[in-house]
Protein backbone atom coordinates (compact mmCIF):
# COMPACT_ATOMS: atom_id res chain seq x y z
CA MET A 1 -44.43 47.99 -166.32
CA ASP A 2 -45.84 46.86 -162.98
CA LEU A 3 -43.53 44.02 -162.99
CA GLN A 4 -40.69 46.20 -163.43
CA ARG A 5 -41.55 48.85 -160.65
CA THR A 6 -42.48 46.24 -158.61
CA ILE A 7 -38.99 44.54 -158.12
CA LEU A 8 -37.66 47.48 -158.21
CA ILE A 9 -40.10 48.70 -155.13
CA VAL A 10 -39.35 45.35 -153.24
CA GLY A 11 -35.67 46.02 -153.94
CA LEU A 12 -35.45 49.20 -152.61
CA ALA A 13 -37.84 47.88 -149.54
CA VAL A 14 -35.25 45.36 -148.58
CA VAL A 15 -32.01 47.85 -148.60
CA GLY A 16 -33.96 49.99 -147.09
CA TYR A 17 -34.89 47.54 -144.21
CA LEU A 18 -30.91 46.32 -144.30
CA MET A 19 -29.91 49.77 -143.84
CA VAL A 20 -32.68 50.25 -140.75
CA LEU A 21 -30.69 47.19 -139.49
CA GLN A 22 -27.08 48.24 -140.17
CA TRP A 23 -28.28 51.72 -138.40
CA ASN A 24 -30.00 50.10 -135.27
CA GLN A 25 -26.98 48.40 -134.53
CA ASP A 26 -24.44 51.07 -134.88
CA TYR A 27 -26.10 53.73 -133.47
CA ASN A 28 -28.79 53.03 -131.37
CA LYS A 29 -26.95 49.84 -129.77
CA PRO A 30 -27.40 50.35 -125.50
CA PRO A 31 -24.29 51.38 -123.60
CA GLU A 32 -22.33 48.80 -121.59
CA LEU A 33 -22.03 49.27 -118.13
CA SER A 34 -18.40 50.27 -117.69
CA THR A 35 -16.30 49.75 -113.98
CA THR A 36 -16.42 52.43 -111.39
CA GLU A 37 -13.27 50.53 -109.56
CA VAL A 38 -9.78 49.56 -110.18
CA VAL A 39 -10.34 45.72 -110.42
CA SER A 40 -7.24 43.87 -109.06
CA VAL A 41 -5.14 42.16 -112.05
CA GLY A 42 -3.37 39.62 -110.11
CA GLU A 43 -5.96 36.45 -111.60
CA ALA A 44 -3.40 34.21 -113.03
CA PRO A 45 -4.08 30.60 -114.61
CA VAL A 46 -2.21 27.65 -113.12
CA ALA A 47 -1.93 24.95 -115.00
CA GLN A 48 -0.74 21.46 -115.07
CA ALA A 49 0.16 18.75 -116.81
CA ALA A 50 -2.90 16.95 -118.51
CA THR A 51 -3.61 13.46 -117.98
CA GLY A 52 -1.49 11.36 -120.30
CA SER A 53 0.02 14.26 -121.79
CA SER A 54 3.04 16.85 -120.75
CA ASP A 55 2.04 19.15 -123.45
CA ALA A 56 -1.75 20.06 -122.52
CA PRO A 57 -1.92 21.77 -119.85
CA VAL A 58 -5.37 22.66 -117.98
CA LEU A 59 -6.09 25.79 -116.30
CA GLU A 60 -7.26 25.19 -112.79
CA SER A 61 -8.30 28.09 -110.41
CA ASP A 62 -7.48 31.85 -109.94
CA THR A 63 -6.75 31.83 -106.42
CA VAL A 64 -4.61 34.91 -105.63
CA VAL A 65 -1.23 34.54 -103.46
CA ASP A 66 1.06 37.53 -103.53
CA HIS A 67 4.73 36.70 -103.33
CA GLY A 68 5.59 40.08 -102.51
CA SER A 69 3.82 42.64 -100.54
CA ALA A 70 1.83 45.52 -102.29
CA ALA A 71 4.18 48.09 -101.34
CA SER A 72 7.15 46.14 -103.01
CA ALA A 73 5.32 46.41 -106.58
CA GLN A 74 6.45 48.95 -108.66
CA LEU A 75 4.91 50.52 -112.01
CA ILE A 76 8.11 50.73 -115.24
CA THR A 77 7.81 53.37 -118.12
CA VAL A 78 8.73 52.48 -121.19
CA THR A 79 8.85 55.02 -124.17
CA THR A 80 9.21 54.27 -127.83
CA ASP A 81 8.19 56.10 -130.98
CA THR A 82 5.23 53.80 -131.11
CA LEU A 83 4.30 52.91 -128.06
CA ASN A 84 4.08 54.60 -124.23
CA VAL A 85 4.19 51.24 -121.98
CA THR A 86 3.19 50.99 -118.23
CA ILE A 87 4.52 47.64 -116.52
CA ASP A 88 3.84 47.01 -113.00
CA THR A 89 6.53 44.73 -111.74
CA ARG A 90 4.06 42.80 -109.79
CA GLY A 91 3.76 39.72 -112.51
CA GLY A 92 5.68 41.70 -114.92
CA ASP A 93 1.87 42.60 -116.54
CA ILE A 94 1.53 45.46 -118.99
CA VAL A 95 -1.04 47.60 -117.62
CA SER A 96 -1.06 50.43 -119.56
CA VAL A 97 -0.18 51.24 -123.58
CA ALA A 98 -0.73 54.54 -125.32
CA LEU A 99 -0.34 54.90 -128.74
CA PRO A 100 1.33 58.23 -129.89
CA GLU A 101 0.64 57.87 -133.56
CA TYR A 102 -3.09 57.79 -132.99
CA PRO A 103 -4.46 60.69 -131.27
CA LYS A 104 -7.40 60.36 -129.59
CA VAL A 105 -9.24 62.94 -130.98
CA LYS A 106 -7.72 64.65 -134.56
CA SER A 107 -7.42 67.91 -132.71
CA GLN A 108 -5.36 66.87 -129.99
CA PRO A 109 -2.67 65.79 -131.83
CA ASP A 110 -0.48 65.15 -128.42
CA ASN A 111 -3.17 63.24 -126.40
CA PRO A 112 -2.82 59.33 -127.97
CA PHE A 113 -5.13 56.81 -127.69
CA VAL A 114 -4.91 54.78 -124.95
CA LEU A 115 -5.73 50.75 -125.97
CA LEU A 116 -4.87 49.51 -122.77
CA GLU A 117 -5.41 50.76 -119.30
CA ASN A 118 -6.11 49.33 -115.46
CA SER A 119 -8.07 52.58 -114.10
CA GLN A 120 -11.73 53.79 -112.41
CA ASN A 121 -13.26 53.83 -116.12
CA ARG A 122 -11.74 50.75 -117.71
CA LEU A 123 -9.90 47.36 -117.48
CA PHE A 124 -8.03 45.88 -120.02
CA VAL A 125 -4.67 44.32 -119.48
CA ALA A 126 -2.17 42.07 -120.49
CA GLN A 127 -0.65 39.51 -118.53
CA SER A 128 1.74 36.80 -118.58
CA GLY A 129 3.58 34.36 -116.39
CA LEU A 130 5.22 30.89 -115.86
CA THR A 131 2.70 28.21 -114.47
CA GLY A 132 2.62 24.56 -114.10
CA THR A 133 4.49 22.33 -111.74
CA ASP A 134 7.51 25.23 -110.63
CA GLY A 135 6.06 27.88 -112.56
CA PRO A 136 6.33 30.89 -109.93
CA ASP A 137 2.46 32.32 -111.35
CA ARG A 138 1.21 29.08 -110.41
CA HIS A 139 -0.99 30.03 -106.98
CA GLY A 140 -0.53 34.12 -108.05
CA HIS A 141 1.70 36.88 -109.43
CA PRO A 142 4.82 37.35 -107.74
CA VAL A 143 6.94 40.35 -107.79
CA PHE A 144 10.01 41.38 -110.08
CA THR A 145 12.34 43.97 -109.87
CA ALA A 146 14.18 46.10 -112.51
CA ALA A 147 17.32 48.06 -112.60
CA LYS A 148 14.86 51.08 -113.45
CA THR A 149 11.83 52.37 -113.70
CA SER A 150 12.26 54.66 -116.92
CA TYR A 151 13.33 53.29 -119.92
CA GLN A 152 13.39 55.10 -123.64
CA LEU A 153 14.05 54.13 -126.76
CA GLU A 154 17.39 55.66 -127.87
CA ASP A 155 18.01 57.82 -130.81
CA GLY A 156 19.19 55.62 -133.65
CA LYS A 157 18.38 52.33 -131.62
CA ASP A 158 16.30 49.86 -133.56
CA ASN A 159 15.18 48.14 -130.40
CA LEU A 160 14.85 48.17 -126.18
CA GLN A 161 14.99 45.41 -123.90
CA VAL A 162 13.25 45.63 -120.66
CA ASP A 163 14.76 42.52 -117.99
CA LEU A 164 12.74 42.46 -115.08
CA THR A 165 14.43 39.59 -112.33
CA LEU A 166 13.18 37.11 -109.86
CA LYS A 167 14.56 34.46 -107.30
CA THR A 168 12.78 31.58 -106.42
CA ASP A 169 14.14 28.67 -104.64
CA LYS A 170 14.45 26.59 -108.15
CA ALA A 171 15.39 29.35 -110.50
CA ASP A 172 16.74 32.65 -111.42
CA ILE A 173 14.04 34.00 -114.07
CA THR A 174 14.56 37.14 -116.06
CA LYS A 175 11.49 38.47 -118.07
CA ARG A 176 12.43 40.32 -120.96
CA TYR A 177 10.07 42.64 -123.02
CA THR A 178 11.61 43.73 -126.47
CA PHE A 179 10.27 46.50 -128.14
CA GLU A 180 11.08 47.50 -131.85
CA ARG A 181 11.12 51.10 -133.63
CA GLY A 182 8.48 51.29 -135.46
CA GLY A 183 6.58 48.49 -134.79
CA TYR A 184 3.58 47.03 -132.34
CA GLN A 185 4.45 44.04 -131.51
CA VAL A 186 6.71 43.24 -128.59
CA SER A 187 8.68 40.62 -127.87
CA VAL A 188 8.00 38.27 -123.95
CA ASP A 189 10.76 36.15 -123.27
CA TYR A 190 11.59 33.87 -120.29
CA LEU A 191 15.14 33.12 -119.52
CA ILE A 192 14.71 30.92 -116.39
CA HIS A 193 18.27 29.30 -115.02
CA ASN A 194 18.02 26.30 -113.22
CA THR A 195 19.36 26.71 -109.83
CA SER A 196 18.32 23.72 -108.24
CA ASP A 197 19.57 19.82 -108.55
CA GLN A 198 16.15 18.55 -110.19
CA MET A 199 14.54 19.25 -113.61
CA TRP A 200 12.62 22.12 -113.47
CA ARG A 201 8.94 22.51 -115.66
CA GLY A 202 6.51 25.00 -116.55
CA ASN A 203 4.45 26.64 -119.26
CA PHE A 204 4.12 30.33 -120.05
CA TYR A 205 0.99 31.58 -120.38
CA GLY A 206 -0.26 34.67 -121.85
CA GLN A 207 -3.87 36.16 -121.16
CA LEU A 208 -5.90 39.41 -121.84
CA LYS A 209 -8.10 40.48 -119.45
CA ARG A 210 -11.05 43.07 -120.17
CA ASP A 211 -14.10 44.30 -118.55
CA ASN A 212 -17.04 44.77 -120.16
CA SER A 213 -16.64 48.61 -120.58
CA LYS A 214 -17.54 49.85 -124.27
CA ASP A 215 -15.29 50.44 -126.87
CA PRO A 216 -13.00 53.96 -126.22
CA SER A 217 -13.08 54.79 -129.96
CA SER A 218 -16.87 56.12 -129.16
CA GLU A 219 -15.78 58.26 -126.15
CA PHE A 220 -13.14 60.84 -128.40
CA SER A 221 -15.45 61.43 -130.90
CA SER A 222 -17.41 64.76 -131.21
CA LYS A 223 -20.05 62.44 -133.86
CA THR A 224 -22.45 59.36 -133.95
CA THR A 225 -19.96 56.75 -133.32
CA ILE A 226 -20.03 53.21 -135.35
CA ASN A 227 -19.91 50.14 -132.99
CA THR A 228 -18.10 47.65 -134.52
CA TYR A 229 -17.32 44.01 -133.18
CA LEU A 230 -16.09 44.12 -129.29
CA GLY A 231 -14.95 41.14 -128.02
CA ALA A 232 -12.25 38.21 -128.33
CA ALA A 233 -11.50 36.22 -131.66
CA VAL A 234 -8.74 33.03 -132.11
CA ARG A 235 -7.71 31.11 -134.58
CA SER A 236 -9.17 27.46 -133.68
CA ASN A 237 -8.94 23.99 -135.27
CA GLU A 238 -12.17 24.49 -137.51
CA LYS A 239 -11.84 28.09 -138.30
CA GLN A 240 -8.76 30.39 -139.13
CA TYR A 241 -10.65 33.07 -137.53
CA GLN A 242 -13.63 32.41 -135.15
CA LYS A 243 -15.09 35.22 -133.17
CA VAL A 244 -16.35 34.61 -129.34
CA ASP A 245 -18.36 37.02 -128.00
CA PHE A 246 -18.01 37.89 -124.32
CA ASP A 247 -21.51 36.94 -123.20
CA ASP A 248 -20.51 33.71 -124.25
CA PHE A 249 -17.08 33.49 -122.07
CA ALA A 250 -18.86 32.05 -118.97
CA SER A 251 -22.14 30.53 -120.35
CA LYS A 252 -20.31 28.52 -123.98
CA PRO A 253 -16.76 29.27 -122.78
CA PHE A 254 -13.96 27.57 -125.36
CA LYS A 255 -11.15 26.17 -124.62
CA GLU A 256 -8.89 24.18 -127.58
CA THR A 257 -5.64 22.92 -128.42
CA VAL A 258 -4.37 24.57 -131.76
CA GLU A 259 -1.22 24.13 -133.84
CA GLY A 260 0.13 27.88 -133.83
CA GLY A 261 -2.80 30.33 -133.69
CA TYR A 262 -3.32 33.20 -131.36
CA ALA A 263 -5.63 34.64 -128.51
CA ALA A 264 -6.97 38.22 -129.25
CA ILE A 265 -9.49 41.10 -128.31
CA LEU A 266 -10.64 43.03 -130.91
CA GLN A 267 -12.18 46.32 -130.90
CA HIS A 268 -12.94 49.33 -133.57
CA TYR A 269 -9.44 49.53 -135.38
CA PHE A 270 -7.50 47.96 -132.60
CA VAL A 271 -6.32 44.65 -131.60
CA VAL A 272 -4.14 43.45 -128.58
CA ALA A 273 -3.14 39.62 -129.35
CA TRP A 274 -0.97 37.14 -128.10
CA VAL A 275 0.70 35.00 -130.61
CA PRO A 276 2.92 31.94 -129.31
CA GLY A 277 5.09 30.03 -131.18
CA GLN A 278 3.26 29.03 -134.51
CA GLU A 279 5.09 25.42 -134.70
CA GLN A 280 3.87 23.88 -131.33
CA GLN A 281 0.34 22.82 -129.77
CA ASN A 282 -0.93 25.66 -127.72
CA THR A 283 -4.15 25.30 -125.52
CA TYR A 284 -6.80 28.43 -125.74
CA GLN A 285 -9.53 29.14 -122.95
CA THR A 286 -11.91 31.73 -122.29
CA ARG A 287 -13.68 32.81 -118.78
CA VAL A 288 -14.96 34.86 -116.55
CA VAL A 289 -13.18 35.42 -112.95
CA ASN A 290 -14.54 38.57 -110.96
CA GLY A 291 -16.83 39.85 -114.00
CA ASN A 292 -13.96 40.09 -116.27
CA ASN A 293 -13.59 38.79 -119.13
CA ILE A 294 -10.14 36.42 -119.60
CA ILE A 295 -8.51 34.92 -122.97
CA SER A 296 -5.62 32.98 -122.25
CA VAL A 297 -2.97 30.52 -123.90
CA VAL A 298 -0.65 28.44 -122.39
CA GLU A 299 1.79 26.64 -124.44
CA PRO A 300 3.49 23.67 -124.06
CA VAL A 301 5.52 22.40 -121.06
CA VAL A 302 9.26 23.56 -120.61
CA GLU A 303 11.94 21.21 -119.22
CA VAL A 304 14.95 23.07 -117.61
CA LYS A 305 17.96 20.96 -116.50
CA PRO A 306 19.66 21.47 -113.57
CA GLY A 307 22.60 23.75 -113.86
CA GLN A 308 20.97 25.12 -117.50
CA THR A 309 19.12 27.79 -119.01
CA GLY A 310 16.09 27.63 -121.10
CA GLU A 311 13.30 30.30 -122.67
CA ALA A 312 9.76 30.51 -123.25
CA GLY A 313 7.58 33.48 -124.27
CA ALA A 314 5.46 34.92 -127.10
CA ILE A 315 4.36 37.74 -128.75
CA LEU A 316 2.52 40.54 -127.90
CA TYR A 317 0.97 42.59 -130.49
CA VAL A 318 -0.97 45.83 -128.91
CA GLY A 319 -2.09 48.53 -132.51
CA PRO A 320 -3.95 48.94 -134.93
CA LYS A 321 -5.05 46.57 -137.21
CA ASN A 322 -2.81 46.16 -140.22
CA GLN A 323 -3.27 43.50 -142.54
CA GLU A 324 0.50 43.49 -143.65
CA VAL A 325 1.98 43.11 -140.19
CA LEU A 326 -1.12 40.85 -138.55
CA ALA A 327 -0.85 38.31 -141.68
CA LYS A 328 3.30 37.99 -140.79
CA LEU A 329 2.42 37.30 -137.58
CA ALA A 330 -0.12 34.09 -137.27
CA ASP A 331 -2.57 32.76 -139.78
CA GLY A 332 -5.71 34.40 -139.69
CA LEU A 333 -4.80 37.27 -137.31
CA ASN A 334 -5.29 39.46 -140.09
CA LEU A 335 -8.75 38.08 -140.56
CA THR A 336 -9.51 40.50 -137.53
CA ILE A 337 -9.66 43.39 -139.94
CA ASP A 338 -13.62 42.23 -140.59
CA TYR A 339 -15.44 43.35 -143.99
CA GLY A 340 -18.14 40.93 -143.48
CA ILE A 341 -19.36 38.07 -145.96
CA LEU A 342 -18.15 40.66 -149.07
CA TRP A 343 -14.43 40.40 -147.60
CA TRP A 344 -13.66 38.40 -150.85
CA PHE A 345 -14.37 41.61 -152.69
CA ALA A 346 -13.93 44.00 -150.22
CA LYS A 347 -10.18 43.18 -149.72
CA PRO A 348 -8.89 43.69 -153.21
CA LEU A 349 -10.97 46.92 -153.17
CA PHE A 350 -9.15 48.07 -150.16
CA GLU A 351 -5.86 47.25 -152.23
CA LEU A 352 -6.96 49.42 -154.58
CA LEU A 353 -7.95 52.19 -152.50
CA LYS A 354 -4.30 51.94 -150.92
CA PHE A 355 -2.63 51.68 -154.25
CA LEU A 356 -4.72 55.16 -155.35
CA HIS A 357 -3.75 56.44 -151.68
CA SER A 358 -0.43 55.79 -152.42
CA ILE A 359 -0.12 58.06 -155.93
CA LEU A 360 -2.92 60.71 -154.83
CA GLY A 361 -1.51 61.20 -151.32
CA ASN A 362 -5.57 61.50 -149.80
CA TRP A 363 -8.15 59.46 -149.18
CA GLY A 364 -10.76 61.26 -150.03
CA TRP A 365 -9.40 61.84 -153.94
CA SER A 366 -8.59 58.24 -153.50
CA ILE A 367 -12.10 57.37 -152.98
CA ILE A 368 -13.44 60.13 -155.53
CA ALA A 369 -10.40 57.61 -158.34
CA LEU A 370 -12.27 54.36 -157.23
CA THR A 371 -15.77 55.38 -158.16
CA VAL A 372 -14.33 56.22 -161.33
CA ILE A 373 -12.77 53.32 -162.14
CA VAL A 374 -15.68 51.23 -160.85
CA LYS A 375 -18.11 53.25 -162.88
CA ALA A 376 -16.09 52.36 -165.61
CA VAL A 377 -15.66 49.03 -165.27
CA PHE A 378 -19.08 48.68 -165.03
CA PHE A 379 -20.40 51.31 -167.49
CA PRO A 380 -21.27 48.84 -170.66
CA LEU A 381 -23.85 47.28 -168.34
CA SER A 382 -25.16 50.49 -166.57
CA ALA A 383 -25.12 52.07 -170.42
CA ALA A 384 -27.29 49.03 -171.18
CA SER A 385 -29.31 49.72 -168.39
CA TYR A 386 -30.01 53.28 -168.82
CA ARG A 387 -30.89 52.42 -172.78
CA SER A 388 -33.60 50.53 -171.44
CA MET A 389 -34.60 52.97 -169.32
CA ALA A 390 -34.59 56.20 -171.89
CA LYS A 391 -36.93 53.46 -174.26
CA MET A 392 -38.84 52.77 -171.33
CA ARG A 393 -39.47 57.01 -170.70
CA LYS A 394 -40.11 57.09 -174.42
CA LEU A 395 -42.81 54.68 -174.39
CA SER A 396 -44.32 56.20 -171.06
CA PRO A 397 -46.96 57.98 -173.51
CA LYS A 398 -48.08 54.56 -174.74
CA LEU A 399 -48.10 53.22 -171.69
CA GLN A 400 -50.03 55.89 -170.23
CA ALA A 401 -52.46 55.07 -173.14
CA LEU A 402 -52.73 51.87 -172.76
CA LYS A 403 -54.26 52.28 -168.67
CA GLU A 404 -56.45 54.61 -169.63
CA GLN A 405 -57.96 51.83 -172.60
CA TYR A 406 -57.67 49.06 -170.24
CA GLY A 407 -58.94 50.61 -167.25
CA ASP A 408 -58.38 48.27 -164.22
CA ASP A 409 -58.37 44.89 -166.34
CA ARG A 410 -55.01 44.82 -165.67
CA GLN A 411 -54.60 41.54 -166.74
CA LYS A 412 -55.23 42.27 -170.30
CA MET A 413 -53.17 45.64 -169.70
CA SER A 414 -50.41 43.31 -168.53
CA GLN A 415 -50.63 41.65 -171.97
CA ALA A 416 -50.53 44.66 -173.81
CA MET A 417 -47.73 46.00 -172.32
CA MET A 418 -45.39 42.60 -173.09
CA GLU A 419 -46.55 42.54 -176.45
CA MET A 420 -45.72 46.41 -176.71
CA TYR A 421 -42.08 45.32 -175.15
CA LYS A 422 -41.20 42.51 -177.48
CA LYS A 423 -42.38 44.65 -180.18
CA GLU A 424 -39.95 47.19 -179.03
CA LYS A 425 -37.32 45.47 -178.11
CA VAL A 426 -37.20 46.38 -174.44
CA ASN A 427 -36.25 45.08 -171.28
CA PRO A 428 -38.69 45.88 -168.64
CA MET A 429 -36.03 44.37 -165.87
CA GLY A 430 -32.98 46.37 -167.42
CA GLY A 431 -33.75 49.31 -164.80
CA CYS A 432 -32.69 47.20 -162.19
CA LEU A 433 -29.42 46.24 -163.18
CA PRO A 434 -27.63 49.83 -161.60
CA ILE A 435 -28.83 49.28 -158.17
CA LEU A 436 -28.31 45.34 -158.45
CA VAL A 437 -24.43 46.39 -159.58
CA GLN A 438 -23.91 49.45 -157.00
CA MET A 439 -25.14 47.72 -153.79
CA PRO A 440 -22.47 44.78 -153.65
CA VAL A 441 -19.78 47.67 -154.22
CA PHE A 442 -21.76 49.58 -151.56
CA ILE A 443 -21.83 47.37 -149.03
CA ALA A 444 -18.27 46.07 -149.31
CA LEU A 445 -16.98 49.65 -149.28
CA TYR A 446 -18.99 50.50 -146.26
CA TRP A 447 -16.72 47.86 -144.49
CA VAL A 448 -13.73 49.26 -145.62
CA LEU A 449 -14.20 52.35 -144.57
CA LEU A 450 -15.40 50.89 -141.73
CA GLU A 451 -12.70 48.69 -140.56
CA SER A 452 -9.63 50.14 -142.51
CA VAL A 453 -7.46 52.43 -139.64
CA GLU A 454 -5.35 53.78 -142.52
CA ILE A 455 -8.94 55.77 -142.97
CA ARG A 456 -9.26 56.72 -139.27
CA GLN A 457 -9.24 60.76 -139.03
CA ALA A 458 -8.31 60.75 -142.70
CA PRO A 459 -9.22 64.46 -143.92
CA PHE A 460 -10.03 65.23 -147.17
CA ILE A 461 -10.94 69.23 -148.59
CA LEU A 462 -12.97 72.40 -146.66
CA TRP A 463 -15.14 70.70 -144.14
CA ILE A 464 -14.76 67.16 -144.32
CA HIS A 465 -11.80 66.38 -141.65
CA ASP A 466 -12.50 62.85 -140.91
CA LEU A 467 -13.80 60.63 -143.77
CA SER A 468 -14.58 57.63 -140.99
CA GLN A 469 -16.77 59.81 -139.52
CA MET A 470 -20.68 61.52 -140.69
CA ASP A 471 -20.40 64.63 -142.15
CA PRO A 472 -20.63 67.54 -139.33
CA TYR A 473 -23.14 69.83 -141.28
CA PHE A 474 -24.76 66.84 -143.45
CA ILE A 475 -23.47 68.48 -146.42
CA LEU A 476 -22.61 65.36 -148.13
CA PRO A 477 -25.58 63.75 -147.83
CA LEU A 478 -27.89 66.24 -148.67
CA ILE A 479 -26.40 66.50 -152.11
CA MET A 480 -26.72 62.81 -152.31
CA GLY A 481 -29.97 63.13 -151.78
CA ALA A 482 -30.74 66.39 -154.39
CA SER A 483 -28.44 63.73 -157.08
CA MET A 484 -31.20 61.11 -156.66
CA PHE A 485 -34.02 63.25 -157.05
CA VAL A 486 -32.06 64.61 -160.40
CA GLN A 487 -31.98 60.73 -161.72
CA GLN A 488 -35.65 60.08 -160.97
CA LEU A 489 -36.74 63.14 -163.34
CA LEU A 490 -34.53 61.36 -166.12
CA SER A 491 -35.92 58.12 -165.16
CA PRO A 492 -39.67 56.72 -166.66
CA THR A 493 -42.51 57.66 -164.70
CA PRO A 494 -44.35 54.57 -163.59
CA PRO A 495 -48.09 54.35 -164.19
CA ASP A 496 -49.61 52.95 -160.94
CA PRO A 497 -49.58 56.58 -158.65
CA VAL A 498 -49.06 54.88 -155.32
CA GLN A 499 -45.78 53.55 -157.01
CA ALA A 500 -45.03 56.90 -158.13
CA ARG A 501 -45.18 58.34 -154.51
CA VAL A 502 -43.34 55.62 -153.50
CA MET A 503 -40.21 56.33 -155.68
CA LYS A 504 -40.32 59.92 -155.16
CA LEU A 505 -39.85 59.73 -151.05
CA MET A 506 -36.55 56.91 -151.54
CA PRO A 507 -34.11 60.36 -151.78
CA VAL A 508 -36.03 61.52 -148.84
CA ILE A 509 -35.70 58.20 -147.11
CA PHE A 510 -32.04 57.46 -147.95
CA THR A 511 -31.28 60.73 -147.54
CA VAL A 512 -31.82 60.29 -143.69
CA PHE A 513 -30.28 57.11 -143.55
CA PHE A 514 -26.99 58.46 -144.74
CA LEU A 515 -27.08 61.04 -142.39
CA TRP A 516 -25.14 59.21 -140.10
CA PHE A 517 -23.36 57.07 -142.35
CA PRO A 518 -19.29 57.74 -143.01
CA ALA A 519 -18.21 60.64 -144.93
CA GLY A 520 -16.22 59.01 -147.05
CA LEU A 521 -18.94 56.37 -148.03
CA VAL A 522 -21.41 58.93 -148.64
CA LEU A 523 -18.48 60.93 -150.85
CA TYR A 524 -18.87 57.38 -152.83
CA TRP A 525 -22.31 57.53 -153.67
CA VAL A 526 -22.74 61.21 -154.27
CA VAL A 527 -19.53 60.52 -157.08
CA ASN A 528 -21.05 57.60 -158.56
CA ASN A 529 -24.64 59.49 -158.62
CA LEU A 530 -23.25 62.03 -160.68
CA LEU A 531 -21.43 60.22 -163.32
CA SER A 532 -24.56 58.06 -163.53
CA ILE A 533 -26.29 60.94 -164.02
CA ALA A 534 -23.80 62.32 -166.89
CA GLN A 535 -24.01 59.13 -168.29
CA GLN A 536 -27.70 58.29 -168.22
CA TYR A 537 -28.77 62.38 -169.28
CA TYR A 538 -26.72 61.63 -172.42
CA ILE A 539 -27.91 58.23 -173.38
CA THR A 540 -31.77 59.37 -172.59
CA ARG A 541 -31.13 62.86 -174.96
CA LYS A 542 -29.83 60.06 -177.80
CA ILE A 543 -32.24 57.88 -178.00
CA GLU A 544 -35.40 60.22 -177.42
CA ALA A 545 -33.77 62.26 -180.58
CA ASP A 546 -34.07 59.15 -182.60
CA PRO A 547 -36.83 58.56 -183.85
CA ASN A 548 -36.02 54.73 -185.02
CA ALA A 549 -34.27 53.81 -181.21
């Protein structure tokens, strides 16, 4: 009995410690400083052919040389069913993107979440251009011209093209944005018509620039917000998904040439990524310029003969972390939906949850159905554990008698206990299994609810309007604590008074931890506890009523 309780207490202590660490990371993370001024977005990479290779461009400097006056630049708005975009004709950069399908807060459905912006609060923009030998962005951003200042995807149309034009001394260049209905990927293509009598050479580059402001998801929640990973990610030669923290951009900059790949910046539920051609060698690099974090990709050299027209470009994804879409764009990009070390279990768990949602139409009921399925799968194992606990409970008077018989002689008492366990065919370790079985499911579901944009602002019933946020009235955590207390009543009482007091405190400790957990996760734990109570009550009463058990 002492061994069993010791293992249980150690296990619960470890779980509690991990929860404290996770709570501290999620809720007690010090806020990062946000910018207070609008930062210039004109810092473009300059590329030239690396020594001995015309296919491996190298970033040189960030000198800004304007190709036009500031007054000549203007902002262009583009509206589709999924994106509200602002393009600056200086460089043709995307300086703002709002997502009308994803409100900032659920109570304001017409106020879209802003993913990219260049404002006093935040700088996060997507830049692209042509650098290299003849690229107009080699020494700074040129100013394009556009036929209109406003574009909108018309009803019945599946795509929208926005052309920006530029004339240089060697080429006529069209920067073409293509927006798709229902999509968050934007094709960015350069059409280069060589008007000179010499070969035109240049490289397409795309880069994401972000300051160190905090994740905007935390600004639009009335509840305590969970902080997930905010930073960059790339596909390296060694990993399909490699995180690159903003803190490492200056101290340990990343630079690698990879076949295919992507350059992304992640935040809670959303991702922005440049996806170049996947069958070519692309160079990725991180750096810090004027306090801003920049991750860029430079494609191989494009050569255009005199009088000919060449093309270069990439896909820009700006939107939610949709696993199916991201997986089709680039190998490893879907891993930006980071389920942690239990990804191998969390991913099928999410697929099952999504399947249940397709039937039930509500994520809360889907979580309940998932809990029932998981409980059914582990029913035989749980039943064996509860039978062991019931037998231990039945033996409690005999254990108490042994304690009184041997007093403080722990060695003799332990020997007597082991002999009794052997005679009664009781496994003192059996009661540990329910907790051990639940924890992987719990942790995997934690990350599923944390990372899946489908759960964002998903309602359940009554007072639960957002399963991804904590219960606003703490009702579910209190029910969860009460259910844990009932489970303790059905469990054998430890003979050691200190252990007994510690076990009685566990429902209180867990309730405090769960106060700030997502309501969907607490819902899973509550339903799991209720099913466990029913199963444990039935088995306990059956064994206690059977004198031969």
